[in-house]
């Protein structure tokens, strides 16, 4: 399957165009099976040309919510988006994986780059940062990495570039951190956890990860999250009852992005559960979950800066990740749920 020439795609946008409709148009043009989970991300920067300030921006179309993503279900989405969004997170060393998986994935990444061309084998030691998680590179010598990669590459003989992308995705799909957005934070409330934590937000909820061992210390499902808030320098979350629940207080400049993503996941699940409530004979679990989420969306917040459900995402400056939106958030069924966000940390 040849890659779609994205550089040749042009879309007409009017001032009245809604983000949801724009996402549908892009998905249709790229032959995606569904725009579900995709969103628009806006990266804004201020520049001064001469004495006249100007505002420049870029709009990205990417997968944001991975709730229903299964590798192999949509070959175009896998090839154009899923592989290239998951690869950087893997190479940054956010996932816990075995050495055998690292060998296999390195060979697949090489195959995506060069297919069956073996002429680049001699340069493998110089391109390890493009093939192996950065925190694992020093565990072996460059020549040992090369020998292992070549051995696994030969086991995959005959695989095409697109098949290699799918094999890569199917491997990491088995991990609990697949489809996560990762945020490094400094936590100040839990003495049993490291001070520096890696927080992963994905379809399972909010996971706390030891950044050194990559062990998932705990995962808080969305049904257990009763309140959250964010600001330019923090992200706070309450687990369990608003009165007796435990709180996790984090120092981070990306709190508003964590807030936006958590809000989007819970809003999506709330919408799904509400549809089940109105459908024929919803299950007890569905009714309970929907009622919990509905209560959460209507409960008063102890914070005034972003702790309620919303159907909106945020547009933020790409130059200063510490600047985020403020003010109360409210869930509104009539609002467009695909408003643009900043793309930086969903990659």
Foldseek 3Di string as FASTA:
>chain_A
DDADPVVPDDDDDDPPDDFVVVLVVVCVVLVWPDSPQKFKAKAWDWDDDPNRIDIDIDIDIAGQACQPDDQPPTLSCLVPHQLVLVQVCQQQPLADDDPLLLLLQLLLQVCLVPNPDCPCLVCQLVCVSNRGRPVCNVVDHSVVSSVSNVVNNVVVPPDHNSNSSSVNLNVCVPGPQRQWQWDWWAWDFDPVADRIWIWTQHLQAIWTARSPNSDGPDHQGLLQWQWWFDALFWIKTWGHDPVPTDIIIITDRQRLVVLQSSLLSLLVLLVVLVVLVPDPDRDPVSVVSNVSSVCSQPDDHPDFFRIHHALEEWHDHPVRSSDHGGGYHHYDPPDHNRYHHHDVRSD
